[in-house]
Amino acid sequence: HEFGHFFYKDSEKHAINFGLLCFAEAILWVNGLLLALRHLISSSSSKNEDDSPMGMAFIIIVPILMLAFIFKFMGSIGIWVYNIVYRFRSHKLEYRADLFACEMGFGEGLLSFLEKINSYEFKDNSFSSRIKQTHPDTALRIDAVDSYLAQ
């Protein structure tokens, strides 16, 4: 099964995709900070001498922080969406790796292993648990391996 993941380069693809997403989030964060800095420079060059330092700090720093955090939040939403999408995609990758193990002649061993896991497994069917699952239900994987071995 794990050789199936290795053969199809599943981990490499995941690492590249997640790395690109983190890079995009970092660019959003830096972009927010640069826009905030630009705002700071333009605000400080046009301030009046009468303005109190505390009032100017509030007028300048609050929008800067808000802008930077808005961009950071946008990047975080992207990572959150990616993690949810990846969970559903990873189920297909697990079935494919199981099939690879069967095709290499390790189907009976995989089936025995999955049945052992299934006997010890705690089933949490809550919504949050199901969203976080990176692998399909073990019982479904057993059924898929059984049907492949029956062919």
Protein backbone atom coordinates (compact mmCIF):
# COMPACT_ATOMS: atom_id res chain seq x y z
CA HIS A 1 0.00 0.00 0.00
CA GLU A 2 2.71 2.48 0.96
CA PHE A 3 4.71 1.55 -2.13
CA GLY A 4 1.59 2.52 -4.09
CA HIS A 5 1.77 6.01 -2.62
CA PHE A 6 5.49 6.06 -3.44
CA PHE A 7 4.89 4.77 -6.99
CA TYR A 8 2.25 7.42 -7.73
CA LYS A 9 4.27 10.17 -5.96
CA ASP A 10 1.31 11.09 -3.77
CA SER A 11 3.42 12.62 -1.00
CA GLU A 12 5.49 14.66 -3.44
CA LYS A 13 2.39 16.08 -5.10
CA HIS A 14 0.84 16.91 -1.73
CA ALA A 15 4.04 18.60 -0.53
CA ILE A 16 4.30 20.67 -3.72
CA ASN A 17 0.63 21.71 -3.61
CA PHE A 18 0.75 22.59 0.07
CA GLY A 19 4.07 24.41 -0.36
CA LEU A 20 2.63 26.52 -3.19
CA LEU A 21 -0.41 27.31 -1.09
CA CYS A 22 1.75 28.39 1.87
CA PHE A 23 3.83 30.51 -0.51
CA ALA A 24 0.64 32.16 -1.80
CA GLU A 25 -0.46 32.82 1.78
CA ALA A 26 2.93 34.38 2.56
CA ILE A 27 2.65 36.59 -0.53
CA LEU A 28 -0.81 37.73 0.59
CA TRP A 29 0.58 38.53 4.05
CA VAL A 30 3.56 40.45 2.61
CA ASN A 31 1.26 42.23 0.16
CA GLY A 32 -0.95 43.32 3.04
CA LEU A 33 2.06 44.58 4.98
CA LEU A 34 3.44 46.45 1.95
CA LEU A 35 0.08 48.10 1.30
CA ALA A 36 -0.09 49.03 4.97
CA LEU A 37 3.44 50.43 4.84
CA ARG A 38 2.54 52.45 1.76
CA HIS A 39 -0.46 53.79 3.63
CA LEU A 40 1.76 54.61 6.61
CA ILE A 41 4.25 56.53 4.46
CA SER A 42 1.55 58.49 2.64
CA SER A 43 -0.27 59.24 5.91
CA SER A 44 2.86 60.36 7.74
CA SER A 45 3.90 62.66 4.91
CA SER A 46 0.52 64.42 4.93
CA LYS A 47 -0.02 64.71 8.70
CA ASN A 48 -0.43 68.06 10.41
CA GLU A 49 1.96 69.24 13.07
CA ASP A 50 -1.05 69.77 15.40
CA ASP A 51 -1.94 66.08 15.51
CA SER A 52 -1.10 64.29 18.74
CA PRO A 53 1.31 61.35 18.42
CA MET A 54 -1.19 59.04 20.11
CA GLY A 55 -4.02 60.05 17.78
CA MET A 56 -1.82 59.66 14.69
CA ALA A 57 -0.58 56.29 15.90
CA PHE A 58 -4.17 55.12 16.24
CA ILE A 59 -5.17 56.53 12.86
CA ILE A 60 -2.18 54.93 11.13
CA ILE A 61 -1.56 51.65 13.00
CA VAL A 62 -5.14 50.37 13.23
CA PRO A 63 -5.79 50.45 9.45
CA ILE A 64 -2.35 48.95 8.82
CA LEU A 65 -3.01 46.05 11.15
CA MET A 66 -6.53 45.56 9.80
CA LEU A 67 -5.30 45.48 6.21
CA ALA A 68 -2.47 43.08 6.99
CA PHE A 69 -4.78 40.75 8.92
CA ILE A 70 -7.41 40.83 6.16
CA PHE A 71 -4.79 39.56 3.71
CA LYS A 72 -3.57 36.99 6.25
CA PHE A 73 -7.16 35.84 6.80
CA MET A 74 -7.66 35.43 3.05
CA GLY A 75 -4.59 33.19 2.91
CA SER A 76 -5.79 31.19 5.91
CA ILE A 77 -9.14 30.61 4.23
CA GLY A 78 -7.28 29.26 1.21
CA ILE A 79 -5.35 26.79 3.35
CA TRP A 80 -8.54 25.75 5.17
CA VAL A 81 -10.33 25.10 1.85
CA TYR A 82 -7.30 23.20 0.55
CA ASN A 83 -7.27 20.97 3.63
CA ILE A 84 -10.94 20.10 3.18
CA VAL A 85 -10.54 19.42 -0.55
CA TYR A 86 -7.39 17.38 0.11
CA ARG A 87 -9.25 15.17 2.60
CA PHE A 88 -11.74 14.16 -0.07
CA ARG A 89 -9.05 13.69 -2.70
CA SER A 90 -6.90 11.65 -0.33
CA HIS A 91 -9.67 9.04 -0.07
CA LYS A 92 -9.23 8.31 -3.78
CA LEU A 93 -5.46 8.09 -3.31
CA GLU A 94 -5.91 5.55 -0.50
CA TYR A 95 -8.13 3.34 -2.65
CA ARG A 96 -5.60 3.61 -5.47
CA ALA A 97 -2.75 2.60 -3.13
CA ASP A 98 -4.84 -0.33 -1.87
CA LEU A 99 -5.43 -1.42 -5.46
CA PHE A 100 -1.69 -1.14 -6.16
CA ALA A 101 -0.97 -3.45 -3.20
CA CYS A 102 -3.49 -5.95 -4.55
CA GLU A 103 -2.00 -5.81 -8.04
CA MET A 104 1.47 -6.47 -6.57
CA GLY A 105 0.15 -9.62 -4.88
CA PHE A 106 -0.24 -8.27 -1.36
CA GLY A 107 -4.04 -8.13 -1.36
CA GLU A 108 -4.53 -10.91 1.20
CA GLY A 109 -2.01 -9.35 3.58
CA LEU A 110 -3.59 -5.91 3.16
CA LEU A 111 -7.03 -7.40 3.78
CA SER A 112 -5.82 -9.10 6.96
CA PHE A 113 -4.20 -5.86 8.13
CA LEU A 114 -7.31 -3.78 7.43
CA GLU A 115 -9.53 -6.30 9.26
CA LYS A 116 -7.24 -6.12 12.29
CA ILE A 117 -7.34 -2.31 12.23
CA ASN A 118 -11.12 -2.39 11.87
CA SER A 119 -11.50 -4.60 14.94
CA TYR A 120 -9.64 -2.06 17.13
CA GLU A 121 -10.90 1.11 15.51
CA PHE A 122 -13.04 3.62 17.39
CA LYS A 123 -15.71 5.08 15.13
CA ASP A 124 -16.41 8.76 15.58
CA ASN A 125 -19.10 9.72 13.09
CA SER A 126 -19.31 13.39 14.06
CA PHE A 127 -19.17 15.94 11.26
CA SER A 128 -15.86 17.42 12.42
CA SER A 129 -14.27 13.98 12.64
CA ARG A 130 -15.44 12.99 9.17
CA ILE A 131 -14.08 16.24 7.66
CA LYS A 132 -10.67 15.55 9.22
CA GLN A 133 -10.40 11.97 7.96
CA THR A 134 -7.52 11.46 5.56
CA HIS A 135 -8.44 7.81 4.94
CA PRO A 136 -11.78 6.29 3.96
CA ASP A 137 -13.61 4.18 6.53
CA THR A 138 -11.71 0.96 7.06
CA ALA A 139 -14.85 -1.11 6.43
CA LEU A 140 -15.22 0.51 3.00
CA ARG A 141 -11.58 -0.19 2.19
CA ILE A 142 -12.09 -3.84 3.22
CA ASP A 143 -15.07 -4.08 0.87
CA ALA A 144 -13.05 -2.58 -1.99
CA VAL A 145 -10.11 -4.98 -1.43
CA ASP A 146 -12.55 -7.93 -1.09
CA SER A 147 -14.23 -7.07 -4.39
CA TYR A 148 -10.88 -6.67 -6.13
CA LEU A 149 -9.64 -10.03 -4.81
CA ALA A 150 -12.90 -11.69 -5.88
CA GLN A 151 -12.26 -10.72 -9.52
